[in-house]
Amino acid sequence: MKWLLALMFVVTSAHAMIDAPGDPVYVRPRIWNFGNQAQVEVWNTTETDIVCRGTVSIRTQRGAYQTEFFYETIYRGMTARQTYWLYDFQDRIAFATEFINCYER
């Protein structure tokens, strides 16, 4: 039983080290509001591959809130784009903002 616990500890530690983010990269994600959809675009203008992750918060005109998740690996010189649709197609977006951080891969 002890060896199983030790093995689990080693595997989870190794996974955490592999998935650990590198140095922060300062790229500015852009968000557009197209009525009942929001589009987030991140341009990697750096010389390294980056990983961007975070949330997109949307408030609708009817007062509903919707949170979406953004996770992308963006290679140098490339662009990542994700589109988020409202759950209620009859509603429209009043405000959308992003909380996305990017790190070297």
PDB file of N, CA and C in Angstrom:
ATOM      1  N   MET A   1       0.821  -1.193   0.000  1.00  0.00           N
ATOM      2  CA  MET A   1       0.000   0.000   0.000  1.00  0.00           C
ATOM      3  C   MET A   1       0.864   1.255   0.000  1.00  0.00           C
ATOM      4  N   LYS A   2       1.992   1.202   0.734  1.00  0.00           N
ATOM      5  CA  LYS A   2       2.871   2.376   0.777  1.00  0.00           C
ATOM      6  C   LYS A   2       3.481   2.662  -0.587  1.00  0.00           C
ATOM      7  N   TRP A   3       3.828   1.609  -1.324  1.00  0.00           N
ATOM      8  CA  TRP A   3       4.433   1.835  -2.627  1.00  0.00           C
ATOM      9  C   TRP A   3       3.422   2.430  -3.596  1.00  0.00           C
ATOM     10  N   LEU A   4       2.150   2.080  -3.473  1.00  0.00           N
ATOM     11  CA  LEU A   4       1.107   2.652  -4.320  1.00  0.00           C
ATOM     12  C   LEU A   4       0.944   4.142  -4.024  1.00  0.00           C
ATOM     13  N   LEU A   5       0.968   4.493  -2.764  1.00  0.00           N
ATOM     14  CA  LEU A   5       0.869   5.895  -2.374  1.00  0.00           C
ATOM     15  C   LEU A   5       2.082   6.679  -2.878  1.00  0.00           C
ATOM     16  N   ALA A   6       3.264   6.088  -2.760  1.00  0.00           N
ATOM     17  CA  ALA A   6       4.487   6.744  -3.246  1.00  0.00           C
ATOM     18  C   ALA A   6       4.450   6.900  -4.760  1.00  0.00           C
ATOM     19  N   LEU A   7       3.971   5.903  -5.471  1.00  0.00           N
ATOM     20  CA  LEU A   7       3.863   5.975  -6.929  1.00  0.00           C
ATOM     21  C   LEU A   7       2.882   7.067  -7.353  1.00  0.00           C
ATOM     22  N   MET A   8       1.760   7.151  -6.670  1.00  0.00           N
ATOM     23  CA  MET A   8       0.781   8.197  -6.977  1.00  0.00           C
ATOM     24  C   MET A   8       1.376   9.581  -6.749  1.00  0.00           C
ATOM     25  N   PHE A   9       2.146   9.747  -5.694  1.00  0.00           N
ATOM     26  CA  PHE A   9       2.790  11.023  -5.409  1.00  0.00           C
ATOM     27  C   PHE A   9       3.783  11.396  -6.508  1.00  0.00           C
ATOM     28  N   VAL A  10       4.575  10.436  -6.951  1.00  0.00           N
ATOM     29  CA  VAL A  10       5.564  10.692  -8.003  1.00  0.00           C
ATOM     30  C   VAL A  10       4.874  11.060  -9.319  1.00  0.00           C
ATOM     31  N   VAL A  11       3.826  10.346  -9.670  1.00  0.00           N
ATOM     32  CA  VAL A  11       3.117  10.612 -10.929  1.00  0.00           C
ATOM     33  C   VAL A  11       2.455  11.982 -10.897  1.00  0.00           C
ATOM     34  N   THR A  12       1.786  12.325  -9.820  1.00  0.00           N
ATOM     35  CA  THR A  12       1.134  13.635  -9.744  1.00  0.00           C
ATOM     36  C   THR A  12       2.153  14.761  -9.690  1.00  0.00           C
ATOM     37  N   SER A  13       3.278  14.556  -9.048  1.00  0.00           N
ATOM     38  CA  SER A  13       4.322  15.585  -9.015  1.00  0.00           C
ATOM     39  C   SER A  13       4.922  15.792 -10.395  1.00  0.00           C
ATOM     40  N   ALA A  14       5.172  14.694 -11.099  1.00  0.00           N
ATOM     41  CA  ALA A  14       5.727  14.800 -12.452  1.00  0.00           C
ATOM     42  C   ALA A  14       4.744  15.497 -13.374  1.00  0.00           C
ATOM     43  N   HIS A  15       3.457  15.175 -13.253  1.00  0.00           N
ATOM     44  CA  HIS A  15       2.445  15.822 -14.085  1.00  0.00           C
ATOM     45  C   HIS A  15       2.369  17.318 -13.776  1.00  0.00           C
ATOM     46  N   ALA A  16       2.455  17.675 -12.522  1.00  0.00           N
ATOM     47  CA  ALA A  16       2.411  19.091 -12.145  1.00  0.00           C
ATOM     48  C   ALA A  16       3.628  19.834 -12.684  1.00  0.00           C
ATOM     49  N   MET A  17       4.770  19.202 -12.705  1.00  0.00           N
ATOM     50  CA  MET A  17       5.969  19.848 -13.228  1.00  0.00           C
ATOM     51  C   MET A  17       5.892  20.014 -14.738  1.00  0.00           C
ATOM     52  N   ILE A  18       5.312  19.045 -15.429  1.00  0.00           N
ATOM     53  CA  ILE A  18       5.182  19.132 -16.882  1.00  0.00           C
ATOM     54  C   ILE A  18       4.185  20.217 -17.252  1.00  0.00           C
ATOM     55  N   ASP A  19       3.083  20.309 -16.533  1.00  0.00           N
ATOM     56  CA  ASP A  19       2.019  21.255 -16.850  1.00  0.00           C
ATOM     57  C   ASP A  19       2.263  22.639 -16.251  1.00  0.00           C
ATOM     58  N   ALA A  20       3.331  22.812 -15.485  1.00  0.00           N
ATOM     59  CA  ALA A  20       3.598  24.102 -14.853  1.00  0.00           C
ATOM     60  C   ALA A  20       3.899  25.150 -15.922  1.00  0.00           C
ATOM     61  N   PRO A  21       3.311  26.318 -15.800  1.00  0.00           N
ATOM     62  CA  PRO A  21       3.558  27.345 -16.806  1.00  0.00           C
ATOM     63  C   PRO A  21       4.964  27.913 -16.701  1.00  0.00           C
ATOM     64  N   GLY A  22       5.441  28.434 -17.827  1.00  0.00           N
ATOM     65  CA  GLY A  22       6.745  29.073 -17.855  1.00  0.00           C
ATOM     66  C   GLY A  22       6.629  30.528 -17.451  1.00  0.00           C
ATOM     67  N   ASP A  23       7.509  31.339 -17.970  1.00  0.00           N
ATOM     68  CA  ASP A  23       7.490  32.768 -17.674  1.00  0.00           C
ATOM     69  C   ASP A  23       6.260  33.428 -18.282  1.00  0.00           C
ATOM     70  N   PRO A  24       5.713  34.439 -17.606  1.00  0.00           N
ATOM     71  CA  PRO A  24       4.556  35.140 -18.176  1.00  0.00           C
ATOM     72  C   PRO A  24       4.927  35.866 -19.463  1.00  0.00           C
ATOM     73  N   VAL A  25       3.991  35.891 -20.380  1.00  0.00           N
ATOM     74  CA  VAL A  25       4.153  36.591 -21.651  1.00  0.00           C
ATOM     75  C   VAL A  25       3.052  37.638 -21.724  1.00  0.00           C
ATOM     76  N   TYR A  26       3.395  38.828 -22.117  1.00  0.00           N
ATOM     77  CA  TYR A  26       2.421  39.916 -22.130  1.00  0.00           C
ATOM     78  C   TYR A  26       1.921  40.149 -23.553  1.00  0.00           C
ATOM     79  N   VAL A  27       0.885  39.420 -23.905  1.00  0.00           N
ATOM     80  CA  VAL A  27       0.151  39.652 -25.157  1.00  0.00           C
ATOM     81  C   VAL A  27      -1.252  40.078 -24.758  1.00  0.00           C
ATOM     82  N   ARG A  28      -1.860  40.893 -25.562  1.00  0.00           N
ATOM     83  CA  ARG A  28      -3.176  41.422 -25.210  1.00  0.00           C
ATOM     84  C   ARG A  28      -4.253  40.713 -26.014  1.00  0.00           C
ATOM     85  N   PRO A  29      -5.070  39.890 -25.361  1.00  0.00           N
ATOM     86  CA  PRO A  29      -6.204  39.286 -26.064  1.00  0.00           C
ATOM     87  C   PRO A  29      -7.227  40.358 -26.438  1.00  0.00           C
ATOM     88  N   ARG A  30      -7.875  40.162 -27.558  1.00  0.00           N
ATOM     89  CA  ARG A  30      -8.913  41.093 -27.994  1.00  0.00           C
ATOM     90  C   ARG A  30     -10.246  40.361 -27.980  1.00  0.00           C
ATOM     91  N   ILE A  31     -11.276  41.082 -27.604  1.00  0.00           N
ATOM     92  CA  ILE A  31     -12.608  40.486 -27.544  1.00  0.00           C
ATOM     93  C   ILE A  31     -13.574  41.370 -28.322  1.00  0.00           C
ATOM     94  N   TRP A  32     -14.398  40.735 -29.156  1.00  0.00           N
ATOM     95  CA  TRP A  32     -15.395  41.438 -29.937  1.00  0.00           C
ATOM     96  C   TRP A  32     -16.778  40.926 -29.578  1.00  0.00           C
ATOM     97  N   ASN A  33     -17.733  41.828 -29.603  1.00  0.00           N
ATOM     98  CA  ASN A  33     -19.121  41.521 -29.298  1.00  0.00           C
ATOM     99  C   ASN A  33     -19.907  41.591 -30.608  1.00  0.00           C
ATOM    100  N   PHE A  34     -20.489  40.478 -31.012  1.00  0.00           N
ATOM    101  CA  PHE A  34     -21.270  40.421 -32.252  1.00  0.00           C
ATOM    102  C   PHE A  34     -22.732  40.091 -31.971  1.00  0.00           C
ATOM    103  N   GLY A  35     -23.340  40.807 -31.054  1.00  0.00           N
ATOM    104  CA  GLY A  35     -24.757  40.591 -30.759  1.00  0.00           C
ATOM    105  C   GLY A  35     -24.977  39.442 -29.803  1.00  0.00           C
ATOM    106  N   ASN A  36     -25.157  38.229 -30.342  1.00  0.00           N
ATOM    107  CA  ASN A  36     -25.374  37.083 -29.455  1.00  0.00           C
ATOM    108  C   ASN A  36     -24.168  36.137 -29.436  1.00  0.00           C
ATOM    109  N   GLN A  37     -23.014  36.636 -29.835  1.00  0.00           N
ATOM    110  CA  GLN A  37     -21.780  35.869 -29.723  1.00  0.00           C
ATOM    111  C   GLN A  37     -20.619  36.797 -29.398  1.00  0.00           C
ATOM    112  N   ALA A  38     -19.650  36.254 -28.686  1.00  0.00           N
ATOM    113  CA  ALA A  38     -18.423  36.993 -28.374  1.00  0.00           C
ATOM    114  C   ALA A  38     -17.262  36.214 -28.982  1.00  0.00           C
ATOM    115  N   GLN A  39     -16.311  36.937 -29.521  1.00  0.00           N
ATOM    116  CA  GLN A  39     -15.154  36.291 -30.139  1.00  0.00           C
ATOM    117  C   GLN A  39     -13.885  36.810 -29.490  1.00  0.00           C
ATOM    118  N   VAL A  40     -13.032  35.879 -29.053  1.00  0.00           N
ATOM    119  CA  VAL A  40     -11.761  36.217 -28.430  1.00  0.00           C
ATOM    120  C   VAL A  40     -10.649  35.829 -29.389  1.00  0.00           C
ATOM    121  N   GLU A  41      -9.697  36.743 -29.556  1.00  0.00           N
ATOM    122  CA  GLU A  41      -8.577  36.497 -30.454  1.00  0.00           C
ATOM    123  C   GLU A  41      -7.284  36.866 -29.753  1.00  0.00           C
ATOM    124  N   VAL A  42      -6.295  35.972 -29.826  1.00  0.00           N
ATOM    125  CA  VAL A  42      -4.993  36.218 -29.215  1.00  0.00           C
ATOM    126  C   VAL A  42      -3.944  36.069 -30.307  1.00  0.00           C
ATOM    127  N   TRP A  43      -3.158  37.099 -30.525  1.00  0.00           N
ATOM    128  CA  TRP A  43      -2.072  37.071 -31.498  1.00  0.00           C
ATOM    129  C   TRP A  43      -0.771  36.856 -30.756  1.00  0.00           C
ATOM    130  N   ASN A  44      -0.041  35.831 -31.129  1.00  0.00           N
ATOM    131  CA  ASN A  44       1.255  35.571 -30.525  1.00  0.00           C
ATOM    132  C   ASN A  44       2.315  36.309 -31.337  1.00  0.00           C
ATOM    133  N   THR A  45       2.706  37.454 -30.847  1.00  0.00           N
ATOM    134  CA  THR A  45       3.718  38.272 -31.528  1.00  0.00           C
ATOM    135  C   THR A  45       5.113  38.023 -30.966  1.00  0.00           C
ATOM    136  N   THR A  46       5.238  37.044 -30.078  1.00  0.00           N
ATOM    137  CA  THR A  46       6.536  36.753 -29.472  1.00  0.00           C
ATOM    138  C   THR A  46       7.306  35.759 -30.335  1.00  0.00           C
ATOM    139  N   GLU A  47       8.517  35.469 -29.938  1.00  0.00           N
ATOM    140  CA  GLU A  47       9.374  34.521 -30.644  1.00  0.00           C
ATOM    141  C   GLU A  47       9.322  33.120 -30.040  1.00  0.00           C
ATOM    142  N   THR A  48       8.408  32.893 -29.096  1.00  0.00           N
ATOM    143  CA  THR A  48       8.278  31.583 -28.459  1.00  0.00           C
ATOM    144  C   THR A  48       6.831  31.111 -28.548  1.00  0.00           C
ATOM    145  N   ASP A  49       6.629  29.820 -28.375  1.00  0.00           N
ATOM    146  CA  ASP A  49       5.286  29.262 -28.300  1.00  0.00           C
ATOM    147  C   ASP A  49       4.716  29.586 -26.924  1.00  0.00           C
ATOM    148  N   ILE A  50       3.424  29.874 -26.870  1.00  0.00           N
ATOM    149  CA  ILE A  50       2.803  30.256 -25.605  1.00  0.00           C
ATOM    150  C   ILE A  50       1.558  29.415 -25.352  1.00  0.00           C
ATOM    151  N   VAL A  51       1.177  29.361 -24.087  1.00  0.00           N
ATOM    152  CA  VAL A  51      -0.070  28.729 -23.656  1.00  0.00           C
ATOM    153  C   VAL A  51      -0.894  29.809 -22.975  1.00  0.00           C
ATOM    154  N   CYS A  52      -2.120  29.989 -23.428  1.00  0.00           N
ATOM    155  CA  CYS A  52      -3.005  30.998 -22.848  1.00  0.00           C
ATOM    156  C   CYS A  52      -4.213  30.289 -22.248  1.00  0.00           C
ATOM    157  N   ARG A  53      -4.577  30.722 -21.040  1.00  0.00           N
ATOM    158  CA  ARG A  53      -5.736  30.141 -20.372  1.00  0.00           C
ATOM    159  C   ARG A  53      -6.397  31.191 -19.497  1.00  0.00           C
ATOM    160  N   GLY A  54      -7.691  31.039 -19.345  1.00  0.00           N
ATOM    161  CA  GLY A  54      -8.439  31.972 -18.515  1.00  0.00           C
ATOM    162  C   GLY A  54      -9.925  31.874 -18.796  1.00  0.00           C
ATOM    163  N   THR A  55     -10.644  32.911 -18.417  1.00  0.00           N
ATOM    164  CA  THR A  55     -12.097  32.910 -18.582  1.00  0.00           C
ATOM    165  C   THR A  55     -12.540  34.122 -19.391  1.00  0.00           C
ATOM    166  N   VAL A  56     -13.717  33.978 -19.961  1.00  0.00           N
ATOM    167  CA  VAL A  56     -14.401  35.068 -20.654  1.00  0.00           C
ATOM    168  C   VAL A  56     -15.730  35.246 -19.943  1.00  0.00           C
ATOM    169  N   SER A  57     -15.969  36.438 -19.409  1.00  0.00           N
ATOM    170  CA  SER A  57     -17.211  36.724 -18.685  1.00  0.00           C
ATOM    171  C   SER A  57     -18.129  37.559 -19.570  1.00  0.00           C
ATOM    172  N   ILE A  58     -19.370  37.125 -19.660  1.00  0.00           N
ATOM    173  CA  ILE A  58     -20.350  37.777 -20.526  1.00  0.00           C
ATOM    174  C   ILE A  58     -21.569  38.140 -19.690  1.00  0.00           C
ATOM    175  N   ARG A  59     -22.026  39.392 -19.824  1.00  0.00           N
ATOM    176  CA  ARG A  59     -23.289  39.820 -19.210  1.00  0.00           C
ATOM    177  C   ARG A  59     -24.237  40.174 -20.339  1.00  0.00           C
ATOM    178  N   THR A  60     -25.476  39.705 -20.249  1.00  0.00           N
ATOM    179  CA  THR A  60     -26.442  39.937 -21.318  1.00  0.00           C
ATOM    180  C   THR A  60     -27.351  41.108 -20.983  1.00  0.00           C
ATOM    181  N   GLN A  61     -28.110  41.552 -21.967  1.00  0.00           N
ATOM    182  CA  GLN A  61     -29.033  42.664 -21.758  1.00  0.00           C
ATOM    183  C   GLN A  61     -30.169  42.294 -20.814  1.00  0.00           C
ATOM    184  N   ARG A  62     -30.508  41.025 -20.720  1.00  0.00           N
ATOM    185  CA  ARG A  62     -31.552  40.578 -19.801  1.00  0.00           C
ATOM    186  C   ARG A  62     -31.020  40.337 -18.399  1.00  0.00           C
ATOM    187  N   GLY A  63     -29.724  40.575 -18.173  1.00  0.00           N
ATOM    188  CA  GLY A  63     -29.144  40.460 -16.847  1.00  0.00           C
ATOM    189  C   GLY A  63     -28.527  39.106 -16.520  1.00  0.00           C
ATOM    190  N   ALA A  64     -28.466  38.218 -17.468  1.00  0.00           N
ATOM    191  CA  ALA A  64     -27.863  36.901 -17.224  1.00  0.00           C
ATOM    192  C   ALA A  64     -26.341  37.012 -17.347  1.00  0.00           C
ATOM    193  N   TYR A  65     -25.652  36.141 -16.648  1.00  0.00           N
ATOM    194  CA  TYR A  65     -24.189  36.065 -16.720  1.00  0.00           C
ATOM    195  C   TYR A  65     -23.799  34.704 -17.278  1.00  0.00           C
ATOM    196  N   GLN A  66     -22.761  34.715 -18.080  1.00  0.00           N
ATOM    197  CA  GLN A  66     -22.260  33.483 -18.667  1.00  0.00           C
ATOM    198  C   GLN A  66     -20.735  33.524 -18.607  1.00  0.00           C
ATOM    199  N   THR A  67     -20.129  32.448 -18.148  1.00  0.00           N
ATOM    200  CA  THR A  67     -18.674  32.362 -18.079  1.00  0.00           C
ATOM    201  C   THR A  67     -18.212  31.231 -18.975  1.00  0.00           C
ATOM    202  N   GLU A  68     -17.259  31.516 -19.830  1.00  0.00           N
ATOM    203  CA  GLU A  68     -16.681  30.528 -20.732  1.00  0.00           C
ATOM    204  C   GLU A  68     -15.190  30.409 -20.437  1.00  0.00           C
ATOM    205  N   PHE A  69     -14.608  29.285 -20.819  1.00  0.00           N
ATOM    206  CA  PHE A  69     -13.197  29.044 -20.553  1.00  0.00           C
ATOM    207  C   PHE A  69     -12.394  29.071 -21.847  1.00  0.00           C
ATOM    208  N   PHE A  70     -11.212  29.663 -21.773  1.00  0.00           N
ATOM    209  CA  PHE A  70     -10.304  29.769 -22.913  1.00  0.00           C
ATOM    210  C   PHE A  70      -9.023  29.027 -22.569  1.00  0.00           C
ATOM    211  N   TYR A  71      -8.606  28.114 -23.442  1.00  0.00           N
ATOM    212  CA  TYR A  71      -7.334  27.403 -23.269  1.00  0.00           C
ATOM    213  C   TYR A  71      -6.806  27.084 -24.648  1.00  0.00           C
ATOM    214  N   GLU A  72      -5.657  27.637 -24.983  1.00  0.00           N
ATOM    215  CA  GLU A  72      -5.070  27.419 -26.296  1.00  0.00           C
ATOM    216  C   GLU A  72      -3.559  27.410 -26.208  1.00  0.00           C
ATOM    217  N   THR A  73      -2.938  26.576 -27.021  1.00  0.00           N
ATOM    218  CA  THR A  73      -1.504  26.647 -27.270  1.00  0.00           C
ATOM    219  C   THR A  73      -1.340  27.393 -28.580  1.00  0.00           C
ATOM    220  N   ILE A  74      -0.586  28.476 -28.547  1.00  0.00           N
ATOM    221  CA  ILE A  74      -0.434  29.329 -29.722  1.00  0.00           C
ATOM    222  C   ILE A  74       1.043  29.354 -30.100  1.00  0.00           C
ATOM    223  N   TYR A  75       1.328  28.889 -31.288  1.00  0.00           N
ATOM    224  CA  TYR A  75       2.702  28.856 -31.747  1.00  0.00           C
ATOM    225  C   TYR A  75       3.148  30.240 -32.204  1.00  0.00           C
ATOM    226  N   ARG A  76       4.455  30.477 -32.206  1.00  0.00           N
ATOM    227  CA  ARG A  76       4.974  31.810 -32.523  1.00  0.00           C
ATOM    228  C   ARG A  76       4.475  32.271 -33.893  1.00  0.00           C
ATOM    229  N   GLY A  77       4.054  33.509 -33.924  1.00  0.00           N
ATOM    230  CA  GLY A  77       3.549  34.110 -35.150  1.00  0.00           C
ATOM    231  C   GLY A  77       2.139  33.709 -35.523  1.00  0.00           C
ATOM    232  N   MET A  78       1.465  32.903 -34.726  1.00  0.00           N
ATOM    233  CA  MET A  78       0.125  32.424 -35.057  1.00  0.00           C
ATOM    234  C   MET A  78      -0.941  33.153 -34.229  1.00  0.00           C
ATOM    235  N   THR A  79      -2.185  32.906 -34.594  1.00  0.00           N
ATOM    236  CA  THR A  79      -3.326  33.505 -33.917  1.00  0.00           C
ATOM    237  C   THR A  79      -4.289  32.413 -33.486  1.00  0.00           C
ATOM    238  N   ALA A  80      -4.861  32.572 -32.305  1.00  0.00           N
ATOM    239  CA  ALA A  80      -5.913  31.662 -31.829  1.00  0.00           C
ATOM    240  C   ALA A  80      -7.206  32.460 -31.694  1.00  0.00           C
ATOM    241  N   ARG A  81      -8.296  31.833 -32.097  1.00  0.00           N
ATOM    242  CA  ARG A  81      -9.592  32.510 -32.056  1.00  0.00           C
ATOM    243  C   ARG A  81     -10.641  31.525 -31.567  1.00  0.00           C
ATOM    244  N   GLN A  82     -11.454  31.967 -30.613  1.00  0.00           N
ATOM    245  CA  GLN A  82     -12.572  31.153 -30.137  1.00  0.00           C
ATOM    246  C   GLN A  82     -13.826  32.014 -30.101  1.00  0.00           C
ATOM    247  N   THR A  83     -14.939  31.407 -30.468  1.00  0.00           N
ATOM    248  CA  THR A  83     -16.228  32.086 -30.486  1.00  0.00           C
ATOM    249  C   THR A  83     -17.134  31.446 -29.444  1.00  0.00           C
ATOM    250  N   TYR A  84     -17.803  32.285 -28.670  1.00  0.00           N
ATOM    251  CA  TYR A  84     -18.709  31.825 -27.613  1.00  0.00           C
ATOM    252  C   TYR A  84     -20.108  32.366 -27.906  1.00  0.00           C
ATOM    253  N   TRP A  85     -21.066  31.467 -28.012  1.00  0.00           N
ATOM    254  CA  TRP A  85     -22.452  31.832 -28.269  1.00  0.00           C
ATOM    255  C   TRP A  85     -23.212  31.908 -26.955  1.00  0.00           C
ATOM    256  N   LEU A  86     -24.203  32.791 -26.908  1.00  0.00           N
ATOM    257  CA  LEU A  86     -25.077  32.866 -25.743  1.00  0.00           C
ATOM    258  C   LEU A  86     -25.968  31.632 -25.685  1.00  0.00           C
ATOM    259  N   TYR A  87     -26.312  31.227 -24.470  1.00  0.00           N
ATOM    260  CA  TYR A  87     -27.212  30.092 -24.294  1.00  0.00           C
ATOM    261  C   TYR A  87     -28.611  30.430 -24.793  1.00  0.00           C
ATOM    262  N   ASP A  88     -29.029  31.687 -24.624  1.00  0.00           N
ATOM    263  CA  ASP A  88     -30.339  32.160 -25.073  1.00  0.00           C
ATOM    264  C   ASP A  88     -30.122  32.999 -26.328  1.00  0.00           C
ATOM    265  N   PHE A  89     -30.481  32.454 -27.493  1.00  0.00           N
ATOM    266  CA  PHE A  89     -30.243  33.157 -28.751  1.00  0.00           C
ATOM    267  C   PHE A  89     -31.107  34.405 -28.907  1.00  0.00           C
ATOM    268  N   GLN A  90     -32.166  34.547 -28.105  1.00  0.00           N
ATOM    269  CA  GLN A  90     -33.014  35.732 -28.181  1.00  0.00           C
ATOM    270  C   GLN A  90     -32.421  36.906 -27.415  1.00  0.00           C
ATOM    271  N   ASP A  91     -31.419  36.655 -26.588  1.00  0.00           N
ATOM    272  CA  ASP A  91     -30.768  37.694 -25.784  1.00  0.00           C
ATOM    273  C   ASP A  91     -29.574  38.252 -26.546  1.00  0.00           C
ATOM    274  N   ARG A  92     -29.063  39.389 -26.083  1.00  0.00           N
ATOM    275  CA  ARG A  92     -27.903  40.004 -26.715  1.00  0.00           C
ATOM    276  C   ARG A  92     -26.877  40.334 -25.639  1.00  0.00           C
ATOM    277  N   ILE A  93     -25.629  40.429 -26.045  1.00  0.00           N
ATOM    278  CA  ILE A  93     -24.545  40.720 -25.109  1.00  0.00           C
ATOM    279  C   ILE A  93     -24.520  42.204 -24.797  1.00  0.00           C
ATOM    280  N   ALA A  94     -24.499  42.526 -23.502  1.00  0.00           N
ATOM    281  CA  ALA A  94     -24.357  43.911 -23.076  1.00  0.00           C
ATOM    282  C   ALA A  94     -22.894  44.243 -22.806  1.00  0.00           C
ATOM    283  N   PHE A  95     -22.164  43.278 -22.242  1.00  0.00           N
ATOM    284  CA  PHE A  95     -20.769  43.524 -21.867  1.00  0.00           C
ATOM    285  C   PHE A  95     -20.024  42.195 -21.844  1.00  0.00           C
ATOM    286  N   ALA A  96     -18.822  42.183 -22.377  1.00  0.00           N
ATOM    287  CA  ALA A  96     -17.980  40.979 -22.341  1.00  0.00           C
ATOM    288  C   ALA A  96     -16.551  41.404 -22.028  1.00  0.00           C
ATOM    289  N   THR A  97     -15.897  40.624 -21.185  1.00  0.00           N
ATOM    290  CA  THR A  97     -14.507  40.903 -20.825  1.00  0.00           C
ATOM    291  C   THR A  97     -13.755  39.597 -20.670  1.00  0.00           C
ATOM    292  N   GLU A  98     -12.437  39.670 -20.793  1.00  0.00           N
ATOM    293  CA  GLU A  98     -11.621  38.477 -20.673  1.00  0.00           C
ATOM    294  C   GLU A  98     -10.643  38.596 -19.523  1.00  0.00           C
ATOM    295  N   PHE A  99     -10.331  37.446 -18.935  1.00  0.00           N
ATOM    296  CA  PHE A  99      -9.330  37.323 -17.886  1.00  0.00           C
ATOM    297  C   PHE A  99      -8.394  36.192 -18.307  1.00  0.00           C
ATOM    298  N   ILE A 100      -7.554  36.472 -19.292  1.00  0.00           N
ATOM    299  CA  ILE A 100      -6.709  35.450 -19.914  1.00  0.00           C
ATOM    300  C   ILE A 100      -5.251  35.795 -19.641  1.00  0.00           C
ATOM    301  N   ASN A 101      -4.499  34.802 -19.174  1.00  0.00           N
ATOM    302  CA  ASN A 101      -3.074  34.950 -18.943  1.00  0.00           C
ATOM    303  C   ASN A 101      -2.326  34.008 -19.866  1.00  0.00           C
ATOM    304  N   CYS A 102      -1.171  34.461 -20.354  1.00  0.00           N
ATOM    305  CA  CYS A 102      -0.367  33.658 -21.270  1.00  0.00           C
ATOM    306  C   CYS A 102       1.015  33.428 -20.683  1.00  0.00           C
ATOM    307  N   TYR A 103       1.552  32.252 -20.959  1.00  0.00           N
ATOM    308  CA  TYR A 103       2.862  31.849 -20.442  1.00  0.00           C
ATOM    309  C   TYR A 103       3.667  31.178 -21.542  1.00  0.00           C
ATOM    310  N   GLU A 104       4.981  31.246 -21.419  1.00  0.00           N
ATOM    311  CA  GLU A 104       5.837  30.521 -22.349  1.00  0.00           C
ATOM    312  C   GLU A 104       5.588  29.036 -22.202  1.00  0.00           C
ATOM    313  N   ARG A 105       5.653  28.334 -23.296  1.00  0.00           N
ATOM    314  CA  ARG A 105       5.407  26.895 -23.268  1.00  0.00           C
ATOM    315  C   ARG A 105       6.659  26.130 -22.970  1.00  0.00           C
TER     316      ARG A 105
END
